[in-house]
Amino acid sequence: RWSLEDRAQILAEAFAPGAVVCEVARRFDVATGLIYTWRRQALAQDAGPAFVPAKLVDVPNNGDAAEPAMCVDFPSGVKVRIGAAAPCELAAAVMRALK
């Protein structure tokens, strides 16, 4: 019943600053839950890949503590560096938290 364009318009209006979802739903004669379902579907499509492959490289140990043993660069520009002296448990906990 609702085209993708209609859904996009309803979502834009429902989640605009100051908008009230149930009022928009009434205006378009659509269930509030359906608006949230459409939003969840749209966000899932826009999320991109849920997994970013890691590139592992051998780094020679030259004793320089300033160089990280692990560096993860995210598409958002965020970089996480874990030093060579960090315990394995810490590195594992960081990676689990980022998952």
C-alpha atoms as a PDB file:
ATOM      1  CA  ARG A   1       0.000   0.000   0.000  1.00  0.00           C
ATOM      2  CA  TRP A   2       2.798   2.429   0.821  1.00  0.00           C
ATOM      3  CA  SER A   3       5.440   3.138  -1.799  1.00  0.00           C
ATOM      4  CA  LEU A   4       9.054   3.671  -0.784  1.00  0.00           C
ATOM      5  CA  GLU A   5       8.617   7.385  -1.478  1.00  0.00           C
ATOM      6  CA  ASP A   6       5.539   7.508   0.777  1.00  0.00           C
ATOM      7  CA  ARG A   7       7.403   5.693   3.529  1.00  0.00           C
ATOM      8  CA  ALA A   8      10.362   8.064   3.228  1.00  0.00           C
ATOM      9  CA  GLN A   9       8.056  11.082   3.485  1.00  0.00           C
ATOM     10  CA  ILE A  10       6.232   9.667   6.511  1.00  0.00           C
ATOM     11  CA  LEU A  11       9.507   8.789   8.234  1.00  0.00           C
ATOM     12  CA  ALA A  12      10.961  12.228   7.530  1.00  0.00           C
ATOM     13  CA  GLU A  13       7.905  13.910   9.021  1.00  0.00           C
ATOM     14  CA  ALA A  14       7.582  11.515  11.961  1.00  0.00           C
ATOM     15  CA  PHE A  15      11.184  11.930  13.086  1.00  0.00           C
ATOM     16  CA  ALA A  16      11.676  15.599  12.252  1.00  0.00           C
ATOM     17  CA  PRO A  17      12.683  17.778  15.216  1.00  0.00           C
ATOM     18  CA  GLY A  18       9.615  18.518  17.319  1.00  0.00           C
ATOM     19  CA  ALA A  19       7.420  15.976  15.533  1.00  0.00           C
ATOM     20  CA  VAL A  20       5.191  13.542  17.409  1.00  0.00           C
ATOM     21  CA  VAL A  21       5.112  10.112  15.774  1.00  0.00           C
ATOM     22  CA  CYS A  22       1.523   9.301  16.773  1.00  0.00           C
ATOM     23  CA  GLU A  23       0.277  12.599  15.285  1.00  0.00           C
ATOM     24  CA  VAL A  24       2.016  11.889  11.984  1.00  0.00           C
ATOM     25  CA  ALA A  25       0.627   8.349  12.052  1.00  0.00           C
ATOM     26  CA  ARG A  26      -2.916   9.672  12.515  1.00  0.00           C
ATOM     27  CA  ARG A  27      -2.497  12.190   9.715  1.00  0.00           C
ATOM     28  CA  PHE A  28      -1.409   9.471   7.269  1.00  0.00           C
ATOM     29  CA  ASP A  29      -3.766   6.830   8.719  1.00  0.00           C
ATOM     30  CA  VAL A  30      -0.937   4.411   9.454  1.00  0.00           C
ATOM     31  CA  ALA A  31      -0.181   2.462  12.634  1.00  0.00           C
ATOM     32  CA  THR A  32       2.506   3.941  14.854  1.00  0.00           C
ATOM     33  CA  GLY A  33       4.194   0.542  15.106  1.00  0.00           C
ATOM     34  CA  LEU A  34       4.465   0.383  11.327  1.00  0.00           C
ATOM     35  CA  ILE A  35       6.345   3.694  11.298  1.00  0.00           C
ATOM     36  CA  TYR A  36       8.861   2.293  13.783  1.00  0.00           C
ATOM     37  CA  THR A  37       9.155  -0.901  11.713  1.00  0.00           C
ATOM     38  CA  TRP A  38       9.890   1.152   8.582  1.00  0.00           C
ATOM     39  CA  ARG A  39      12.488   3.156  10.491  1.00  0.00           C
ATOM     40  CA  ARG A  40      14.178   0.011  11.804  1.00  0.00           C
ATOM     41  CA  GLN A  41      14.268  -1.428   8.259  1.00  0.00           C
ATOM     42  CA  ALA A  42      15.666   1.815   6.832  1.00  0.00           C
ATOM     43  CA  LEU A  43      18.361   2.010   9.499  1.00  0.00           C
ATOM     44  CA  ALA A  44      19.332  -1.620   8.890  1.00  0.00           C
ATOM     45  CA  GLN A  45      19.762  -0.911   5.163  1.00  0.00           C
ATOM     46  CA  ASP A  46      21.809   2.233   5.808  1.00  0.00           C
ATOM     47  CA  ALA A  47      24.008   0.622   8.443  1.00  0.00           C
ATOM     48  CA  GLY A  48      26.405  -0.873   5.917  1.00  0.00           C
ATOM     49  CA  PRO A  49      28.438  -3.925   6.735  1.00  0.00           C
ATOM     50  CA  ALA A  50      28.255  -5.116  10.325  1.00  0.00           C
ATOM     51  CA  PHE A  51      31.772  -6.545  10.032  1.00  0.00           C
ATOM     52  CA  VAL A  52      34.879  -4.787   8.868  1.00  0.00           C
ATOM     53  CA  PRO A  53      37.682  -7.168   7.939  1.00  0.00           C
ATOM     54  CA  ALA A  54      40.885  -6.756   9.895  1.00  0.00           C
ATOM     55  CA  LYS A  55      44.265  -6.699   8.236  1.00  0.00           C
ATOM     56  CA  LEU A  56      46.933  -8.428  10.307  1.00  0.00           C
ATOM     57  CA  VAL A  57      50.557  -7.614   9.680  1.00  0.00           C
ATOM     58  CA  ASP A  58      53.734  -8.768  11.371  1.00  0.00           C
ATOM     59  CA  VAL A  59      55.423  -5.901  13.166  1.00  0.00           C
ATOM     60  CA  PRO A  60      59.045  -6.383  14.148  1.00  0.00           C
ATOM     61  CA  ASN A  61      59.631  -5.901  17.868  1.00  0.00           C
ATOM     62  CA  ASN A  62      62.286  -3.210  18.028  1.00  0.00           C
ATOM     63  CA  GLY A  63      61.639  -2.361  21.679  1.00  0.00           C
ATOM     64  CA  ASP A  64      59.963   0.961  20.851  1.00  0.00           C
ATOM     65  CA  ALA A  65      57.059   1.180  23.320  1.00  0.00           C
ATOM     66  CA  ALA A  66      55.597   4.199  21.496  1.00  0.00           C
ATOM     67  CA  GLU A  67      54.492   2.049  18.559  1.00  0.00           C
ATOM     68  CA  PRO A  68      51.126   0.311  19.056  1.00  0.00           C
ATOM     69  CA  ALA A  69      50.961  -3.460  18.734  1.00  0.00           C
ATOM     70  CA  MET A  70      47.407  -3.211  17.453  1.00  0.00           C
ATOM     71  CA  CYS A  71      45.759  -0.406  15.527  1.00  0.00           C
ATOM     72  CA  VAL A  72      42.126  -0.442  14.344  1.00  0.00           C
ATOM     73  CA  ASP A  73      40.955   2.324  11.988  1.00  0.00           C
ATOM     74  CA  PHE A  74      37.180   2.709  11.654  1.00  0.00           C
ATOM     75  CA  PRO A  75      35.473   4.262   8.609  1.00  0.00           C
ATOM     76  CA  SER A  76      34.247   7.073  10.881  1.00  0.00           C
ATOM     77  CA  GLY A  77      37.865   8.141  11.382  1.00  0.00           C
ATOM     78  CA  VAL A  78      38.149   6.789  14.920  1.00  0.00           C
ATOM     79  CA  LYS A  79      41.443   5.006  15.592  1.00  0.00           C
ATOM     80  CA  VAL A  80      42.064   2.573  18.435  1.00  0.00           C
ATOM     81  CA  ARG A  81      45.665   1.740  19.304  1.00  0.00           C
ATOM     82  CA  ILE A  82      46.714  -0.819  21.895  1.00  0.00           C
ATOM     83  CA  GLY A  83      50.329  -0.826  23.037  1.00  0.00           C
ATOM     84  CA  ALA A  84      52.568  -3.865  22.921  1.00  0.00           C
ATOM     85  CA  ALA A  85      52.810  -3.887  26.725  1.00  0.00           C
ATOM     86  CA  ALA A  86      49.019  -4.150  27.153  1.00  0.00           C
ATOM     87  CA  PRO A  87      47.788  -7.460  28.566  1.00  0.00           C
ATOM     88  CA  CYS A  88      46.066  -9.779  26.080  1.00  0.00           C
ATOM     89  CA  GLU A  89      42.927  -9.657  28.245  1.00  0.00           C
ATOM     90  CA  LEU A  90      42.742  -5.882  27.769  1.00  0.00           C
ATOM     91  CA  ALA A  91      43.101  -6.155  23.994  1.00  0.00           C
ATOM     92  CA  ALA A  92      40.413  -8.863  23.909  1.00  0.00           C
ATOM     93  CA  ALA A  93      38.065  -6.766  26.076  1.00  0.00           C
ATOM     94  CA  VAL A  94      38.531  -3.728  23.821  1.00  0.00           C
ATOM     95  CA  MET A  95      37.801  -5.753  20.687  1.00  0.00           C
ATOM     96  CA  ARG A  96      34.696  -7.324  22.292  1.00  0.00           C
ATOM     97  CA  ALA A  97      33.433  -3.872  23.286  1.00  0.00           C
ATOM     98  CA  LEU A  98      33.910  -2.584  19.733  1.00  0.00           C
ATOM     99  CA  LYS A  99      32.079  -5.537  18.208  1.00  0.00           C
END
